[in-house]
Amino acid sequence: MLSRFPRVRLGHLSTPLEPMPRLSAALGGPEIWVKRDDCTGLSTGGNKTRKLEFLMAEAQAQGADMVMTQGATQSNHARQTAAAAARLGMACHLLLEDRTGSTDPNYTGNGNVLLDHLHGATTETRPGGLDMNAEMESVANTFRERGRTVYTIPGGGSNATGALGYVNCAFELLGQINDLGLVFDHLVHATGSAGTQAGLITGLAACNAQLPLLGIGVRAPRPVQEDNVFKLACATAEKLGCPDVVARADVVANTDYVGEGYGIPTEGGLEAIRLFAELEGLLLDPVYSAKGAAGMIDLIRRGTFRKGQRIVFLHTGGAAALFGYDKALRA
């Protein structure tokens, strides 16, 4: 049914589904696998590439010659949008929001920011706390007045069009699990702007997969996060033509691992980065995937996920952001 929607192929799909035996042994709990969406291929990869396959196709269908989006300073989504625009020959303008207050030159100019500019995107910065989608539409209108045809993408690529990318990921993951002949007890990932979790929930529900999904929140309080995910999942299901497939009970987020705030590293997240790097040779990012992994690790230690179970961690990518957090990592 996804073939009814415009799509441009940007990612290296399907991404691998791999066991993590050394991490599993070190934690002494369930058998842990990883879905490698850090391997989607577009400008070091990451989960936003799946969303951009549908978003950029929609932009092309509308005749856009410029795309705009917004995100935090070290936004993985902004970097992948800039890369997608470069690949498709479109201009890209980014609004970057200061959500951490950091003035470290590596944070403000290295990592994803460096790659934004390498891909040819232009950028503007904004202080934290503004309505960034409204700011983006205001700037987009100035470009439109100059004759550009601008397609705006919400933060994280998280609307019903973008979420189709993670409906597709749910189908892909279930196919891989079926081919392996295994049963998984839980799927875990970091959840922020809601599009990844909403798409996965919709795809899993549409297949009656009976695979529980837990989003580990990186920003909003639990009631806000779950409400955002549920609303977007319902809109995605409506877009797909199966409006009643998602139940409120399908949406579960744990926001105990946010720490001091979005983009601010936590002790658990830094430990997760070290464990994944030293035991499995995998790189997490401090903003999303490390906090998601930190939540999973803590829930294993607390016995929520137990020995004898099998769980899969969806790796959303973002390793380029590590170079903006070198001081925290060295400390």
C-alpha atoms as a PDB file:
ATOM      1  CA  MET A   1       0.000   0.000   0.000  1.00  0.00           C
ATOM      2  CA  LEU A   2       2.996   2.312   0.433  1.00  0.00           C
ATOM      3  CA  SER A   3       3.596   2.177  -3.319  1.00  0.00           C
ATOM      4  CA  ARG A   4       0.635   4.561  -3.728  1.00  0.00           C
ATOM      5  CA  PHE A   5       2.752   7.398  -2.298  1.00  0.00           C
ATOM      6  CA  PRO A   6       5.570   9.242  -4.088  1.00  0.00           C
ATOM      7  CA  ARG A   7       8.997   8.074  -2.939  1.00  0.00           C
ATOM      8  CA  VAL A   8      12.557   8.845  -3.963  1.00  0.00           C
ATOM      9  CA  ARG A   9      15.170   6.230  -3.052  1.00  0.00           C
ATOM     10  CA  LEU A  10      17.817   7.784  -0.808  1.00  0.00           C
ATOM     11  CA  GLY A  11      18.713   5.080   1.713  1.00  0.00           C
ATOM     12  CA  HIS A  12      20.665   1.856   1.735  1.00  0.00           C
ATOM     13  CA  LEU A  13      17.729  -0.374   2.593  1.00  0.00           C
ATOM     14  CA  SER A  14      17.100  -2.867   4.074  1.00  0.00           C
ATOM     15  CA  THR A  15      19.327  -1.986   7.023  1.00  0.00           C
ATOM     16  CA  PRO A  16      20.949  -4.890   8.891  1.00  0.00           C
ATOM     17  CA  LEU A  17      19.389  -6.652  11.873  1.00  0.00           C
ATOM     18  CA  GLU A  18      22.255  -7.968  13.979  1.00  0.00           C
ATOM     19  CA  PRO A  19      22.787  -9.660  17.361  1.00  0.00           C
ATOM     20  CA  MET A  20      24.839  -7.916  20.043  1.00  0.00           C
ATOM     21  CA  PRO A  21      26.298 -10.892  21.925  1.00  0.00           C
ATOM     22  CA  ARG A  22      28.967  -9.054  23.931  1.00  0.00           C
ATOM     23  CA  LEU A  23      26.588  -6.379  25.202  1.00  0.00           C
ATOM     24  CA  SER A  24      24.006  -9.067  25.996  1.00  0.00           C
ATOM     25  CA  ALA A  25      26.586 -11.046  27.994  1.00  0.00           C
ATOM     26  CA  ALA A  26      27.846  -7.977  29.839  1.00  0.00           C
ATOM     27  CA  LEU A  27      24.350  -7.035  30.989  1.00  0.00           C
ATOM     28  CA  GLY A  28      23.319 -10.592  31.836  1.00  0.00           C
ATOM     29  CA  GLY A  29      19.739 -10.065  30.729  1.00  0.00           C
ATOM     30  CA  PRO A  30      17.852 -10.625  27.481  1.00  0.00           C
ATOM     31  CA  GLU A  31      19.371 -11.413  24.094  1.00  0.00           C
ATOM     32  CA  ILE A  32      19.795  -7.984  22.472  1.00  0.00           C
ATOM     33  CA  TRP A  33      19.680  -7.330  18.740  1.00  0.00           C
ATOM     34  CA  VAL A  34      20.141  -4.037  16.906  1.00  0.00           C
ATOM     35  CA  LYS A  35      18.294  -2.719  13.850  1.00  0.00           C
ATOM     36  CA  ARG A  36      21.014  -0.683  12.126  1.00  0.00           C
ATOM     37  CA  ASP A  37      19.257   2.455  10.930  1.00  0.00           C
ATOM     38  CA  ASP A  38      22.572   4.191  11.476  1.00  0.00           C
ATOM     39  CA  CYS A  39      23.435   2.449   8.167  1.00  0.00           C
ATOM     40  CA  THR A  40      20.903   4.174   5.897  1.00  0.00           C
ATOM     41  CA  GLY A  41      23.851   5.676   4.018  1.00  0.00           C
ATOM     42  CA  LEU A  42      22.875   9.303   3.425  1.00  0.00           C
ATOM     43  CA  SER A  43      25.592  11.566   4.883  1.00  0.00           C
ATOM     44  CA  THR A  44      26.663   9.059   7.583  1.00  0.00           C
ATOM     45  CA  GLY A  45      23.119   7.668   7.831  1.00  0.00           C
ATOM     46  CA  GLY A  46      20.381   7.880  10.422  1.00  0.00           C
ATOM     47  CA  ASN A  47      16.657   7.424  10.822  1.00  0.00           C
ATOM     48  CA  LYS A  48      15.594  10.637   9.063  1.00  0.00           C
ATOM     49  CA  THR A  49      16.627   9.244   5.678  1.00  0.00           C
ATOM     50  CA  ARG A  50      13.603   6.934   5.659  1.00  0.00           C
ATOM     51  CA  LYS A  51      11.285   9.897   6.254  1.00  0.00           C
ATOM     52  CA  LEU A  52      13.021  12.012   3.638  1.00  0.00           C
ATOM     53  CA  GLU A  53      12.374   9.426   0.942  1.00  0.00           C
ATOM     54  CA  PHE A  54       8.687  10.331   1.151  1.00  0.00           C
ATOM     55  CA  LEU A  55       9.076  14.007   2.092  1.00  0.00           C
ATOM     56  CA  MET A  56      11.483  14.860  -0.725  1.00  0.00           C
ATOM     57  CA  ALA A  57       9.328  13.006  -3.247  1.00  0.00           C
ATOM     58  CA  GLU A  58       6.368  15.103  -2.116  1.00  0.00           C
ATOM     59  CA  ALA A  59       8.501  18.241  -2.474  1.00  0.00           C
ATOM     60  CA  GLN A  60       9.396  17.254  -6.038  1.00  0.00           C
ATOM     61  CA  ALA A  61       5.752  16.491  -6.835  1.00  0.00           C
ATOM     62  CA  GLN A  62       4.846  20.025  -5.693  1.00  0.00           C
ATOM     63  CA  GLY A  63       7.526  21.569  -7.922  1.00  0.00           C
ATOM     64  CA  ALA A  64       9.743  22.801  -5.082  1.00  0.00           C
ATOM     65  CA  ASP A  65      13.198  24.155  -5.878  1.00  0.00           C
ATOM     66  CA  MET A  66      14.060  24.713  -2.189  1.00  0.00           C
ATOM     67  CA  VAL A  67      13.435  22.771   1.003  1.00  0.00           C
ATOM     68  CA  MET A  68      13.497  24.199   4.509  1.00  0.00           C
ATOM     69  CA  THR A  69      13.482  22.536   7.888  1.00  0.00           C
ATOM     70  CA  GLN A  70      14.332  23.311  11.486  1.00  0.00           C
ATOM     71  CA  GLY A  71      15.964  21.574  14.415  1.00  0.00           C
ATOM     72  CA  ALA A  72      18.467  21.910  17.233  1.00  0.00           C
ATOM     73  CA  THR A  73      22.020  23.081  16.573  1.00  0.00           C
ATOM     74  CA  GLN A  74      23.334  19.515  16.203  1.00  0.00           C
ATOM     75  CA  SER A  75      20.254  18.284  14.336  1.00  0.00           C
ATOM     76  CA  ASN A  76      20.698  14.946  12.578  1.00  0.00           C
ATOM     77  CA  HIS A  77      17.519  15.679  10.646  1.00  0.00           C
ATOM     78  CA  ALA A  78      18.876  19.005   9.350  1.00  0.00           C
ATOM     79  CA  ARG A  79      22.087  17.299   8.165  1.00  0.00           C
ATOM     80  CA  GLN A  80      20.241  14.538   6.330  1.00  0.00           C
ATOM     81  CA  THR A  81      17.817  17.047   4.779  1.00  0.00           C
ATOM     82  CA  ALA A  82      20.766  19.082   3.489  1.00  0.00           C
ATOM     83  CA  ALA A  83      22.287  15.908   2.029  1.00  0.00           C
ATOM     84  CA  ALA A  84      19.025  14.860   0.388  1.00  0.00           C
ATOM     85  CA  ALA A  85      18.615  18.313  -1.163  1.00  0.00           C
ATOM     86  CA  ALA A  86      22.176  18.207  -2.483  1.00  0.00           C
ATOM     87  CA  ARG A  87      21.595  14.796  -4.037  1.00  0.00           C
ATOM     88  CA  LEU A  88      18.389  15.958  -5.727  1.00  0.00           C
ATOM     89  CA  GLY A  89      19.740  19.329  -6.903  1.00  0.00           C
ATOM     90  CA  MET A  90      17.547  21.453  -4.635  1.00  0.00           C
ATOM     91  CA  ALA A  91      18.483  24.409  -2.452  1.00  0.00           C
ATOM     92  CA  CYS A  92      18.274  23.899   1.323  1.00  0.00           C
ATOM     93  CA  HIS A  93      17.866  26.447   4.118  1.00  0.00           C
ATOM     94  CA  LEU A  94      17.979  25.436   7.785  1.00  0.00           C
ATOM     95  CA  LEU A  95      16.857  27.120  11.000  1.00  0.00           C
ATOM     96  CA  LEU A  96      18.934  25.883  13.939  1.00  0.00           C
ATOM     97  CA  GLU A  97      17.594  26.389  17.465  1.00  0.00           C
ATOM     98  CA  ASP A  98      19.883  26.807  20.480  1.00  0.00           C
ATOM     99  CA  ARG A  99      18.346  24.346  22.947  1.00  0.00           C
ATOM    100  CA  THR A 100      21.403  23.838  25.170  1.00  0.00           C
ATOM    101  CA  GLY A 101      23.005  27.277  25.605  1.00  0.00           C
ATOM    102  CA  SER A 102      26.409  25.829  24.704  1.00  0.00           C
ATOM    103  CA  THR A 103      28.968  28.225  23.219  1.00  0.00           C
ATOM    104  CA  ASP A 104      31.610  25.525  22.678  1.00  0.00           C
ATOM    105  CA  PRO A 105      32.949  26.089  19.131  1.00  0.00           C
ATOM    106  CA  ASN A 106      32.861  22.353  18.463  1.00  0.00           C
ATOM    107  CA  TYR A 107      29.167  22.239  19.382  1.00  0.00           C
ATOM    108  CA  THR A 108      28.221  25.300  17.360  1.00  0.00           C
ATOM    109  CA  GLY A 109      30.429  24.620  14.324  1.00  0.00           C
ATOM    110  CA  ASN A 110      31.563  20.993  14.170  1.00  0.00           C
ATOM    111  CA  GLY A 111      29.694  17.694  13.788  1.00  0.00           C
ATOM    112  CA  ASN A 112      26.339  18.047  12.036  1.00  0.00           C
ATOM    113  CA  VAL A 113      26.761  21.817  11.569  1.00  0.00           C
ATOM    114  CA  LEU A 114      29.961  21.275   9.604  1.00  0.00           C
ATOM    115  CA  LEU A 115      28.187  18.711   7.424  1.00  0.00           C
ATOM    116  CA  ASP A 116      25.182  21.016   6.875  1.00  0.00           C
ATOM    117  CA  HIS A 117      27.499  23.522   5.235  1.00  0.00           C
ATOM    118  CA  LEU A 118      29.500  20.896   3.348  1.00  0.00           C
ATOM    119  CA  HIS A 119      26.261  19.832   1.695  1.00  0.00           C
ATOM    120  CA  GLY A 120      25.696  23.415   0.585  1.00  0.00           C
ATOM    121  CA  ALA A 121      22.881  24.362   2.958  1.00  0.00           C
ATOM    122  CA  THR A 122      22.474  27.886   4.273  1.00  0.00           C
ATOM    123  CA  THR A 123      21.634  28.325   7.952  1.00  0.00           C
ATOM    124  CA  GLU A 124      20.148  30.757  10.438  1.00  0.00           C
ATOM    125  CA  THR A 125      20.147  30.414  14.215  1.00  0.00           C
ATOM    126  CA  ARG A 126      17.375  31.086  16.725  1.00  0.00           C
ATOM    127  CA  PRO A 127      17.305  31.206  20.538  1.00  0.00           C
ATOM    128  CA  GLY A 128      15.575  28.363  22.339  1.00  0.00           C
ATOM    129  CA  GLY A 129      11.909  28.375  23.185  1.00  0.00           C
ATOM    130  CA  LEU A 130      10.418  29.837  20.005  1.00  0.00           C
ATOM    131  CA  ASP A 131       7.716  28.266  17.859  1.00  0.00           C
ATOM    132  CA  MET A 132      10.237  26.985  15.342  1.00  0.00           C
ATOM    133  CA  ASN A 133       7.730  25.790  12.762  1.00  0.00           C
ATOM    134  CA  ALA A 134       6.166  29.262  12.767  1.00  0.00           C
ATOM    135  CA  GLU A 135       9.635  30.831  12.453  1.00  0.00           C
ATOM    136  CA  MET A 136      10.356  28.553   9.516  1.00  0.00           C
ATOM    137  CA  GLU A 137       7.139  29.449   7.694  1.00  0.00           C
ATOM    138  CA  SER A 138       7.912  33.151   8.139  1.00  0.00           C
ATOM    139  CA  VAL A 139      11.371  32.730   6.602  1.00  0.00           C
ATOM    140  CA  ALA A 140       9.963  30.496   3.864  1.00  0.00           C
ATOM    141  CA  ASN A 141       7.549  33.256   2.894  1.00  0.00           C
ATOM    142  CA  THR A 142      10.447  35.669   2.388  1.00  0.00           C
ATOM    143  CA  PHE A 143      11.980  33.192  -0.068  1.00  0.00           C
ATOM    144  CA  ARG A 144       8.624  32.759  -1.777  1.00  0.00           C
ATOM    145  CA  GLU A 145       8.373  36.509  -2.232  1.00  0.00           C
ATOM    146  CA  ARG A 146      11.700  36.300  -4.078  1.00  0.00           C
ATOM    147  CA  GLY A 147      10.310  33.678  -6.453  1.00  0.00           C
ATOM    148  CA  ARG A 148      11.418  30.438  -4.822  1.00  0.00           C
ATOM    149  CA  THR A 149       9.060  27.465  -4.538  1.00  0.00           C
ATOM    150  CA  VAL A 150       9.697  26.337  -0.970  1.00  0.00           C
ATOM    151  CA  TYR A 151       8.659  23.048   0.605  1.00  0.00           C
ATOM    152  CA  THR A 152       8.815  23.156   4.400  1.00  0.00           C
ATOM    153  CA  ILE A 153       9.498  20.073   6.503  1.00  0.00           C
ATOM    154  CA  PRO A 154       8.562  20.064  10.217  1.00  0.00           C
ATOM    155  CA  GLY A 155      11.202  19.328  12.821  1.00  0.00           C
ATOM    156  CA  GLY A 156      12.370  15.731  12.634  1.00  0.00           C
ATOM    157  CA  GLY A 157      10.437  15.206   9.413  1.00  0.00           C
ATOM    158  CA  SER A 158       7.594  14.248  11.715  1.00  0.00           C
ATOM    159  CA  ASN A 159       4.309  14.527   9.876  1.00  0.00           C
ATOM    160  CA  ALA A 160       2.124  11.834   8.319  1.00  0.00           C
ATOM    161  CA  THR A 161       4.166  11.874   5.094  1.00  0.00           C
ATOM    162  CA  GLY A 162       7.480  11.455   6.920  1.00  0.00           C
ATOM    163  CA  ALA A 163       6.090   8.779   9.222  1.00  0.00           C
ATOM    164  CA  LEU A 164       5.466   6.592   6.172  1.00  0.00           C
ATOM    165  CA  GLY A 165       9.197   5.915   6.238  1.00  0.00           C
ATOM    166  CA  TYR A 166       8.801   4.121   9.553  1.00  0.00           C
ATOM    167  CA  VAL A 167       5.687   2.274   8.485  1.00  0.00           C
ATOM    168  CA  ASN A 168       8.003   0.911   5.816  1.00  0.00           C
ATOM    169  CA  CYS A 169      10.659   0.152   8.457  1.00  0.00           C
ATOM    170  CA  ALA A 170       8.106  -1.834  10.480  1.00  0.00           C
ATOM    171  CA  PHE A 171       7.297  -3.937   7.410  1.00  0.00           C
ATOM    172  CA  GLU A 172      11.013  -4.398   6.725  1.00  0.00           C
ATOM    173  CA  LEU A 173      11.831  -5.407  10.312  1.00  0.00           C
ATOM    174  CA  LEU A 174       8.978  -7.911  10.496  1.00  0.00           C
ATOM    175  CA  GLY A 175      10.166  -9.489   7.248  1.00  0.00           C
ATOM    176  CA  GLN A 176      13.677  -9.868   8.639  1.00  0.00           C
ATOM    177  CA  ILE A 177      12.398 -11.375  11.884  1.00  0.00           C
ATOM    178  CA  ASN A 178      10.245 -13.803   9.918  1.00  0.00           C
ATOM    179  CA  ASP A 179      13.199 -14.812   7.725  1.00  0.00           C
ATOM    180  CA  LEU A 180      15.285 -15.501  10.844  1.00  0.00           C
ATOM    181  CA  GLY A 181      12.508 -17.600  12.366  1.00  0.00           C
ATOM    182  CA  LEU A 182      12.833 -15.788  15.696  1.00  0.00           C
ATOM    183  CA  VAL A 183      10.383 -14.309  18.179  1.00  0.00           C
ATOM    184  CA  PHE A 184      11.119 -10.901  19.719  1.00  0.00           C
ATOM    185  CA  ASP A 185       9.562  -9.704  22.966  1.00  0.00           C
ATOM    186  CA  HIS A 186      10.105  -5.958  22.625  1.00  0.00           C
ATOM    187  CA  LEU A 187      11.291  -3.194  20.297  1.00  0.00           C
ATOM    188  CA  VAL A 188      13.025  -0.200  21.911  1.00  0.00           C
ATOM    189  CA  HIS A 189      14.177   3.117  20.446  1.00  0.00           C
ATOM    190  CA  ALA A 190      14.723   6.796  21.255  1.00  0.00           C
ATOM    191  CA  THR A 191      11.676   8.980  20.625  1.00  0.00           C
ATOM    192  CA  GLY A 192      11.701  12.748  20.127  1.00  0.00           C
ATOM    193  CA  SER A 193       9.696  14.516  17.435  1.00  0.00           C
ATOM    194  CA  ALA A 194       7.338  11.484  17.327  1.00  0.00           C
ATOM    195  CA  GLY A 195       7.590  10.482  13.649  1.00  0.00           C
ATOM    196  CA  THR A 196       9.707   7.358  14.089  1.00  0.00           C
ATOM    197  CA  GLN A 197       7.569   5.956  16.890  1.00  0.00           C
ATOM    198  CA  ALA A 198       4.287   6.913  15.182  1.00  0.00           C
ATOM    199  CA  GLY A 199       5.301   5.237  11.930  1.00  0.00           C
ATOM    200  CA  LEU A 200       6.485   2.080  13.681  1.00  0.00           C
ATOM    201  CA  ILE A 201       3.306   1.828  15.748  1.00  0.00           C
ATOM    202  CA  THR A 202       1.144   2.224  12.651  1.00  0.00           C
ATOM    203  CA  GLY A 203       3.084  -0.346  10.644  1.00  0.00           C
ATOM    204  CA  LEU A 204       3.198  -2.885  13.477  1.00  0.00           C
ATOM    205  CA  ALA A 205      -0.511  -2.453  14.200  1.00  0.00           C
ATOM    206  CA  ALA A 206      -1.443  -2.754  10.525  1.00  0.00           C
ATOM    207  CA  CYS A 207       0.357  -6.121  10.459  1.00  0.00           C
ATOM    208  CA  ASN A 208      -1.045  -7.245  13.829  1.00  0.00           C
ATOM    209  CA  ALA A 209       2.590  -7.922  14.748  1.00  0.00           C
ATOM    210  CA  GLN A 210       2.007  -8.150  18.512  1.00  0.00           C
ATOM    211  CA  LEU A 211       5.503  -6.737  19.053  1.00  0.00           C
ATOM    212  CA  PRO A 212       5.373  -4.200  21.910  1.00  0.00           C
ATOM    213  CA  LEU A 213       7.166  -0.926  21.208  1.00  0.00           C
ATOM    214  CA  LEU A 214       8.776   1.271  23.851  1.00  0.00           C
ATOM    215  CA  GLY A 215       9.967   4.773  23.032  1.00  0.00           C
ATOM    216  CA  ILE A 216      12.595   6.209  25.365  1.00  0.00           C
ATOM    217  CA  GLY A 217      11.911   9.954  25.417  1.00  0.00           C
ATOM    218  CA  VAL A 218      14.669  12.518  24.858  1.00  0.00           C
ATOM    219  CA  ARG A 219      12.775  15.766  25.401  1.00  0.00           C
ATOM    220  CA  ALA A 220       9.097  16.068  26.372  1.00  0.00           C
ATOM    221  CA  PRO A 221       7.312  14.795  29.522  1.00  0.00           C
ATOM    222  CA  ARG A 222       5.565  11.449  29.139  1.00  0.00           C
ATOM    223  CA  PRO A 223       1.953  12.714  28.723  1.00  0.00           C
ATOM    224  CA  VAL A 224       3.036  15.201  26.046  1.00  0.00           C
ATOM    225  CA  GLN A 225       5.238  12.687  24.251  1.00  0.00           C
ATOM    226  CA  GLU A 226       2.611   9.962  24.179  1.00  0.00           C
ATOM    227  CA  ASP A 227      -0.089  12.399  23.067  1.00  0.00           C
ATOM    228  CA  ASN A 228       2.113  13.682  20.229  1.00  0.00           C
ATOM    229  CA  VAL A 229       2.919  10.140  19.090  1.00  0.00           C
ATOM    230  CA  PHE A 230      -0.700   8.991  19.240  1.00  0.00           C
ATOM    231  CA  LYS A 231      -1.985  11.978  17.256  1.00  0.00           C
ATOM    232  CA  LEU A 232       0.634  11.458  14.560  1.00  0.00           C
ATOM    233  CA  ALA A 233       0.071   7.689  14.456  1.00  0.00           C
ATOM    234  CA  CYS A 234      -3.653   8.293  13.942  1.00  0.00           C
ATOM    235  CA  ALA A 235      -2.923  10.777  11.142  1.00  0.00           C
ATOM    236  CA  THR A 236      -0.534   8.295   9.538  1.00  0.00           C
ATOM    237  CA  ALA A 237      -3.076   5.482   9.734  1.00  0.00           C
ATOM    238  CA  GLU A 238      -5.680   7.801   8.201  1.00  0.00           C
ATOM    239  CA  LYS A 239      -3.288   8.602   5.363  1.00  0.00           C
ATOM    240  CA  LEU A 240      -2.765   4.885   4.763  1.00  0.00           C
ATOM    241  CA  GLY A 241      -6.503   4.213   4.689  1.00  0.00           C
ATOM    242  CA  CYS A 242      -6.688   2.183   7.920  1.00  0.00           C
ATOM    243  CA  PRO A 243      -7.882   4.870  10.353  1.00  0.00           C
ATOM    244  CA  ASP A 244      -8.885   2.619  13.266  1.00  0.00           C
ATOM    245  CA  VAL A 245      -5.801   0.422  13.371  1.00  0.00           C
ATOM    246  CA  VAL A 246      -3.918   2.303  16.136  1.00  0.00           C
ATOM    247  CA  ALA A 247      -5.052   2.077  19.769  1.00  0.00           C
ATOM    248  CA  ARG A 248      -4.015   4.485  22.496  1.00  0.00           C
ATOM    249  CA  ALA A 249      -2.635   1.536  24.461  1.00  0.00           C
ATOM    250  CA  ASP A 250      -0.102   0.915  21.654  1.00  0.00           C
ATOM    251  CA  VAL A 251       1.678   4.172  22.500  1.00  0.00           C
ATOM    252  CA  VAL A 252       4.138   3.798  25.381  1.00  0.00           C
ATOM    253  CA  ALA A 253       6.955   6.230  26.198  1.00  0.00           C
ATOM    254  CA  ASN A 254       9.333   6.284  29.140  1.00  0.00           C
ATOM    255  CA  THR A 255      10.766   9.752  29.745  1.00  0.00           C
ATOM    256  CA  ASP A 256      12.846   8.974  32.852  1.00  0.00           C
ATOM    257  CA  TYR A 257      16.127   9.281  30.935  1.00  0.00           C
ATOM    258  CA  VAL A 258      15.925  12.837  29.547  1.00  0.00           C
ATOM    259  CA  GLY A 259      18.217  14.196  32.266  1.00  0.00           C
ATOM    260  CA  GLU A 260      18.661  17.971  32.494  1.00  0.00           C
ATOM    261  CA  GLY A 261      17.118  18.525  29.078  1.00  0.00           C
ATOM    262  CA  TYR A 262      17.231  17.949  25.347  1.00  0.00           C
ATOM    263  CA  GLY A 263      20.742  17.711  23.948  1.00  0.00           C
ATOM    264  CA  ILE A 264      22.400  17.710  27.374  1.00  0.00           C
ATOM    265  CA  PRO A 265      24.391  14.497  27.931  1.00  0.00           C
ATOM    266  CA  THR A 266      23.523  12.239  30.856  1.00  0.00           C
ATOM    267  CA  GLU A 267      25.731   9.915  32.849  1.00  0.00           C
ATOM    268  CA  GLY A 268      23.694   6.937  31.660  1.00  0.00           C
ATOM    269  CA  GLY A 269      23.913   8.082  28.056  1.00  0.00           C
ATOM    270  CA  LEU A 270      27.675   8.490  28.222  1.00  0.00           C
ATOM    271  CA  GLU A 271      27.967   5.002  29.740  1.00  0.00           C
ATOM    272  CA  ALA A 272      25.826   3.628  26.902  1.00  0.00           C
ATOM    273  CA  ILE A 273      28.114   5.274  24.341  1.00  0.00           C
ATOM    274  CA  ARG A 274      31.127   3.597  25.954  1.00  0.00           C
ATOM    275  CA  LEU A 275      29.454   0.185  26.232  1.00  0.00           C
ATOM    276  CA  PHE A 276      28.264   0.117  22.614  1.00  0.00           C
ATOM    277  CA  ALA A 277      31.652   1.366  21.365  1.00  0.00           C
ATOM    278  CA  GLU A 278      33.826  -0.932  23.475  1.00  0.00           C
ATOM    279  CA  LEU A 279      31.704  -4.075  23.291  1.00  0.00           C
ATOM    280  CA  GLU A 280      30.091  -3.926  19.848  1.00  0.00           C
ATOM    281  CA  GLY A 281      32.074  -1.368  17.827  1.00  0.00           C
ATOM    282  CA  LEU A 282      28.933   0.777  17.399  1.00  0.00           C
ATOM    283  CA  LEU A 283      28.693   4.544  17.774  1.00  0.00           C
ATOM    284  CA  LEU A 284      25.716   6.196  19.493  1.00  0.00           C
ATOM    285  CA  ASP A 285      24.981   9.912  19.663  1.00  0.00           C
ATOM    286  CA  PRO A 286      24.520  11.786  22.975  1.00  0.00           C
ATOM    287  CA  VAL A 287      21.155  13.342  22.054  1.00  0.00           C
ATOM    288  CA  TYR A 288      18.989  10.450  20.840  1.00  0.00           C
ATOM    289  CA  SER A 289      20.397   6.965  20.503  1.00  0.00           C
ATOM    290  CA  ALA A 290      22.532   7.099  23.681  1.00  0.00           C
ATOM    291  CA  LYS A 291      19.586   8.130  25.842  1.00  0.00           C
ATOM    292  CA  GLY A 292      17.451   5.440  24.223  1.00  0.00           C
ATOM    293  CA  ALA A 293      20.166   2.868  24.903  1.00  0.00           C
ATOM    294  CA  ALA A 294      20.640   4.163  28.449  1.00  0.00           C
ATOM    295  CA  GLY A 295      16.961   3.579  29.122  1.00  0.00           C
ATOM    296  CA  MET A 296      17.128   0.068  27.697  1.00  0.00           C
ATOM    297  CA  ILE A 297      20.238  -0.761  29.743  1.00  0.00           C
ATOM    298  CA  ASP A 298      18.708   0.519  32.972  1.00  0.00           C
ATOM    299  CA  LEU A 299      15.462  -1.382  32.376  1.00  0.00           C
ATOM    300  CA  ILE A 300      17.514  -4.562  31.850  1.00  0.00           C
ATOM    301  CA  ARG A 301      19.334  -3.958  35.133  1.00  0.00           C
ATOM    302  CA  ARG A 302      15.996  -3.385  36.878  1.00  0.00           C
ATOM    303  CA  GLY A 303      14.597  -6.641  35.496  1.00  0.00           C
ATOM    304  CA  THR A 304      11.957  -5.115  33.230  1.00  0.00           C
ATOM    305  CA  PHE A 305      13.641  -6.903  30.322  1.00  0.00           C
ATOM    306  CA  ARG A 306      14.762 -10.323  31.543  1.00  0.00           C
ATOM    307  CA  LYS A 307      17.045 -13.210  30.720  1.00  0.00           C
ATOM    308  CA  GLY A 308      15.291 -15.555  28.328  1.00  0.00           C
ATOM    309  CA  GLN A 309      13.704 -12.705  26.387  1.00  0.00           C
ATOM    310  CA  ARG A 310      14.855 -11.306  23.045  1.00  0.00           C
ATOM    311  CA  ILE A 311      14.665  -7.560  22.343  1.00  0.00           C
ATOM    312  CA  VAL A 312      15.678  -5.344  19.439  1.00  0.00           C
ATOM    313  CA  PHE A 313      17.091  -1.841  19.779  1.00  0.00           C
ATOM    314  CA  LEU A 314      16.447   0.437  16.805  1.00  0.00           C
ATOM    315  CA  HIS A 315      19.646   2.466  16.292  1.00  0.00           C
ATOM    316  CA  THR A 316      18.565   5.856  14.940  1.00  0.00           C
ATOM    317  CA  GLY A 317      22.097   6.959  14.026  1.00  0.00           C
ATOM    318  CA  GLY A 318      23.579  10.385  14.682  1.00  0.00           C
ATOM    319  CA  ALA A 319      27.268   9.598  15.247  1.00  0.00           C
ATOM    320  CA  ALA A 320      28.281  12.852  13.528  1.00  0.00           C
ATOM    321  CA  ALA A 321      27.014  14.718  16.600  1.00  0.00           C
ATOM    322  CA  LEU A 322      29.736  13.085  18.722  1.00  0.00           C
ATOM    323  CA  PHE A 323      32.228  15.625  17.365  1.00  0.00           C
ATOM    324  CA  GLY A 324      30.169  18.419  18.892  1.00  0.00           C
ATOM    325  CA  TYR A 325      30.297  16.781  22.337  1.00  0.00           C
ATOM    326  CA  ASP A 326      34.002  15.976  22.633  1.00  0.00           C
ATOM    327  CA  LYS A 327      34.408  17.692  26.023  1.00  0.00           C
ATOM    328  CA  ALA A 328      31.620  15.646  27.612  1.00  0.00           C
ATOM    329  CA  LEU A 329      32.986  12.446  26.105  1.00  0.00           C
ATOM    330  CA  ARG A 330      36.550  13.112  27.281  1.00  0.00           C
ATOM    331  CA  ALA A 331      35.341  13.974  30.782  1.00  0.00           C
END
